[in-house]
Amino acid sequence: MERFNTMLEAAEFAATVCGSWSFSASNDRYDVKDLLVLAETGDSEDPIDEDNFFVVSPAGAIGLCEDGEGIDWLFLSDDVSNEDLPLSYQDVPQMKFCSKCGSGVVPGARFCGQCGTAL
């Protein structure tokens, strides 16, 4: 799942994987052009708070994640109507490496398991 700071960025990305959406709270439908206009207007009139962000599912659904908590799905992909959408956002932990030997290290480790260098 991809993460974005503006609705327009999210909509532009979603448009690369999906061609039309339904608003989650009604039967309103949007094509790419309509969604991009709506997103640009929304960003300029009502920007999200600094701790919030938008997410786009693999099928192109767009959701708002408030304060890193649950996801409020706003636009659902018409291409995949039964997509299993998560209720919360999970950051994918990045692999870290030892600065001395280059070995992968366990997240949260204080020392490299290969060469013993303090991390």
C-alpha atoms as a PDB file:
ATOM      1  CA  MET A   1       0.000   0.000   0.000  1.00  0.00           C
ATOM      2  CA  GLU A   2       1.383   3.399  -1.018  1.00  0.00           C
ATOM      3  CA  ARG A   3       1.330   6.489   1.227  1.00  0.00           C
ATOM      4  CA  PHE A   4       0.836  10.143   0.090  1.00  0.00           C
ATOM      5  CA  ASN A   5       0.746  13.607   1.681  1.00  0.00           C
ATOM      6  CA  THR A   6      -1.998  15.032  -0.554  1.00  0.00           C
ATOM      7  CA  MET A   7      -5.166  13.672  -2.047  1.00  0.00           C
ATOM      8  CA  LEU A   8      -4.016  14.791  -5.500  1.00  0.00           C
ATOM      9  CA  GLU A   9      -0.820  12.725  -5.224  1.00  0.00           C
ATOM     10  CA  ALA A  10      -2.905   9.738  -4.098  1.00  0.00           C
ATOM     11  CA  ALA A  11      -5.401  10.225  -6.941  1.00  0.00           C
ATOM     12  CA  GLU A  12      -2.641  10.538  -9.539  1.00  0.00           C
ATOM     13  CA  PHE A  13      -1.120   7.268  -8.340  1.00  0.00           C
ATOM     14  CA  ALA A  14      -4.516   5.528  -8.096  1.00  0.00           C
ATOM     15  CA  ALA A  15      -5.208   6.550 -11.703  1.00  0.00           C
ATOM     16  CA  THR A  16      -2.260   4.403 -12.800  1.00  0.00           C
ATOM     17  CA  VAL A  17      -3.941   1.239 -11.468  1.00  0.00           C
ATOM     18  CA  CYS A  18      -7.664   1.963 -11.728  1.00  0.00           C
ATOM     19  CA  GLY A  19     -10.014   3.746 -14.154  1.00  0.00           C
ATOM     20  CA  SER A  20     -13.059   4.553 -12.026  1.00  0.00           C
ATOM     21  CA  TRP A  21     -14.112   4.785  -8.388  1.00  0.00           C
ATOM     22  CA  SER A  22     -17.221   4.886  -6.243  1.00  0.00           C
ATOM     23  CA  PHE A  23     -17.469   7.176  -3.245  1.00  0.00           C
ATOM     24  CA  SER A  24     -17.672   4.918  -0.206  1.00  0.00           C
ATOM     25  CA  ALA A  25     -20.600   6.722   1.444  1.00  0.00           C
ATOM     26  CA  SER A  26     -22.849   6.971  -1.637  1.00  0.00           C
ATOM     27  CA  ASN A  27     -23.333   5.669  -5.155  1.00  0.00           C
ATOM     28  CA  ASP A  28     -21.449   8.612  -6.694  1.00  0.00           C
ATOM     29  CA  ARG A  29     -18.977   7.447  -9.347  1.00  0.00           C
ATOM     30  CA  TYR A  30     -15.814   9.154 -10.562  1.00  0.00           C
ATOM     31  CA  ASP A  31     -13.632   8.664 -13.602  1.00  0.00           C
ATOM     32  CA  VAL A  32      -9.958   9.720 -13.635  1.00  0.00           C
ATOM     33  CA  LYS A  33     -10.651  13.309 -14.709  1.00  0.00           C
ATOM     34  CA  ASP A  34     -13.407  13.822 -12.119  1.00  0.00           C
ATOM     35  CA  LEU A  35     -11.314  12.322  -9.325  1.00  0.00           C
ATOM     36  CA  LEU A  36      -8.273  14.479 -10.126  1.00  0.00           C
ATOM     37  CA  VAL A  37     -10.388  17.663 -10.138  1.00  0.00           C
ATOM     38  CA  LEU A  38     -12.056  16.662  -6.861  1.00  0.00           C
ATOM     39  CA  ALA A  39      -8.687  15.853  -5.271  1.00  0.00           C
ATOM     40  CA  GLU A  40      -7.092  19.136  -6.332  1.00  0.00           C
ATOM     41  CA  THR A  41     -10.086  21.102  -5.046  1.00  0.00           C
ATOM     42  CA  GLY A  42     -10.124  19.167  -1.783  1.00  0.00           C
ATOM     43  CA  ASP A  43      -6.415  19.779  -1.170  1.00  0.00           C
ATOM     44  CA  SER A  44      -6.753  23.523  -1.738  1.00  0.00           C
ATOM     45  CA  GLU A  45      -9.984  24.032   0.223  1.00  0.00           C
ATOM     46  CA  ASP A  46      -9.492  21.568   3.074  1.00  0.00           C
ATOM     47  CA  PRO A  47      -5.891  20.336   3.454  1.00  0.00           C
ATOM     48  CA  ILE A  48      -5.324  17.443   5.846  1.00  0.00           C
ATOM     49  CA  ASP A  49      -3.526  17.815   9.174  1.00  0.00           C
ATOM     50  CA  GLU A  50       0.213  17.304   9.340  1.00  0.00           C
ATOM     51  CA  ASP A  51      -0.116  13.897  11.073  1.00  0.00           C
ATOM     52  CA  ASN A  52      -2.578  12.544   8.494  1.00  0.00           C
ATOM     53  CA  PHE A  53      -1.894  10.981   5.110  1.00  0.00           C
ATOM     54  CA  PHE A  54      -3.638   9.267   2.227  1.00  0.00           C
ATOM     55  CA  VAL A  55      -3.112   5.649   1.212  1.00  0.00           C
ATOM     56  CA  VAL A  56      -3.802   3.839  -2.045  1.00  0.00           C
ATOM     57  CA  SER A  57      -4.522   0.122  -2.104  1.00  0.00           C
ATOM     58  CA  PRO A  58      -3.044  -2.202  -4.744  1.00  0.00           C
ATOM     59  CA  ALA A  59      -6.349  -2.016  -6.698  1.00  0.00           C
ATOM     60  CA  GLY A  60      -6.550   1.806  -6.495  1.00  0.00           C
ATOM     61  CA  ALA A  61      -8.881   2.458  -3.555  1.00  0.00           C
ATOM     62  CA  ILE A  62      -8.054   5.713  -1.743  1.00  0.00           C
ATOM     63  CA  GLY A  63      -8.241   6.119   2.016  1.00  0.00           C
ATOM     64  CA  LEU A  64      -7.421   8.734   4.633  1.00  0.00           C
ATOM     65  CA  CYS A  65      -5.314   7.625   7.579  1.00  0.00           C
ATOM     66  CA  GLU A  66      -5.730   9.985  10.508  1.00  0.00           C
ATOM     67  CA  ASP A  67      -2.879  10.277  13.009  1.00  0.00           C
ATOM     68  CA  GLY A  68      -1.382   6.989  11.807  1.00  0.00           C
ATOM     69  CA  GLU A  69      -4.426   5.148  13.148  1.00  0.00           C
ATOM     70  CA  GLY A  70      -7.330   3.592  11.250  1.00  0.00           C
ATOM     71  CA  ILE A  71      -8.039   4.077   7.557  1.00  0.00           C
ATOM     72  CA  ASP A  72     -11.246   5.773   6.423  1.00  0.00           C
ATOM     73  CA  TRP A  73     -11.707   4.458   2.875  1.00  0.00           C
ATOM     74  CA  LEU A  74     -13.041   7.322   0.730  1.00  0.00           C
ATOM     75  CA  PHE A  75     -12.999   6.025  -2.849  1.00  0.00           C
ATOM     76  CA  LEU A  76     -13.378   2.362  -3.738  1.00  0.00           C
ATOM     77  CA  SER A  77     -12.007   0.860  -6.926  1.00  0.00           C
ATOM     78  CA  ASP A  78     -14.676  -0.084  -9.442  1.00  0.00           C
ATOM     79  CA  ASP A  79     -12.157  -2.430 -11.074  1.00  0.00           C
ATOM     80  CA  VAL A  80     -11.949  -4.691  -7.991  1.00  0.00           C
ATOM     81  CA  SER A  81     -15.225  -4.356  -6.115  1.00  0.00           C
ATOM     82  CA  ASN A  82     -14.448  -7.032  -3.519  1.00  0.00           C
ATOM     83  CA  GLU A  83     -10.932  -5.888  -2.539  1.00  0.00           C
ATOM     84  CA  ASP A  84     -10.084  -6.795   1.058  1.00  0.00           C
ATOM     85  CA  LEU A  85      -9.163  -3.368   2.456  1.00  0.00           C
ATOM     86  CA  PRO A  86      -7.221  -3.122   5.728  1.00  0.00           C
ATOM     87  CA  LEU A  87      -8.661  -1.155   8.638  1.00  0.00           C
ATOM     88  CA  SER A  88      -5.289   0.289   9.688  1.00  0.00           C
ATOM     89  CA  TYR A  89      -1.965   1.251   8.144  1.00  0.00           C
ATOM     90  CA  GLN A  90       1.156  -0.764   8.886  1.00  0.00           C
ATOM     91  CA  ASP A  91       4.580   0.679   8.075  1.00  0.00           C
ATOM     92  CA  VAL A  92       6.784  -1.936   6.467  1.00  0.00           C
ATOM     93  CA  PRO A  93       9.951  -2.074   8.578  1.00  0.00           C
ATOM     94  CA  GLN A  94      13.082  -1.277   6.618  1.00  0.00           C
ATOM     95  CA  MET A  95      16.012  -3.681   6.813  1.00  0.00           C
ATOM     96  CA  LYS A  96      18.978  -2.125   8.616  1.00  0.00           C
ATOM     97  CA  PHE A  97      22.626  -2.986   8.036  1.00  0.00           C
ATOM     98  CA  CYS A  98      25.793  -2.843  10.147  1.00  0.00           C
ATOM     99  CA  SER A  99      27.960   0.158   9.246  1.00  0.00           C
ATOM    100  CA  LYS A 100      31.151  -1.910   9.743  1.00  0.00           C
ATOM    101  CA  CYS A 101      30.516  -5.284   8.084  1.00  0.00           C
ATOM    102  CA  GLY A 102      27.331  -4.658   6.091  1.00  0.00           C
ATOM    103  CA  SER A 103      25.396  -7.593   7.580  1.00  0.00           C
ATOM    104  CA  GLY A 104      21.666  -7.297   8.104  1.00  0.00           C
ATOM    105  CA  VAL A 105      20.737  -6.564  11.712  1.00  0.00           C
ATOM    106  CA  VAL A 106      17.690  -7.433  13.751  1.00  0.00           C
ATOM    107  CA  PRO A 107      15.391  -4.401  14.284  1.00  0.00           C
ATOM    108  CA  GLY A 108      16.022  -2.960  17.748  1.00  0.00           C
ATOM    109  CA  ALA A 109      19.382  -4.718  18.173  1.00  0.00           C
ATOM    110  CA  ARG A 110      22.133  -2.789  19.937  1.00  0.00           C
ATOM    111  CA  PHE A 111      24.996  -4.824  18.467  1.00  0.00           C
ATOM    112  CA  CYS A 112      25.654  -6.465  15.099  1.00  0.00           C
ATOM    113  CA  GLY A 113      25.102 -10.236  15.359  1.00  0.00           C
ATOM    114  CA  GLN A 114      27.903 -10.852  12.841  1.00  0.00           C
ATOM    115  CA  CYS A 115      30.825  -8.666  14.000  1.00  0.00           C
ATOM    116  CA  GLY A 116      29.640  -7.294  17.383  1.00  0.00           C
ATOM    117  CA  THR A 117      29.894  -3.608  16.446  1.00  0.00           C
ATOM    118  CA  ALA A 118      27.676  -1.321  18.522  1.00  0.00           C
ATOM    119  CA  LEU A 119      24.783  -0.043  16.414  1.00  0.00           C
END
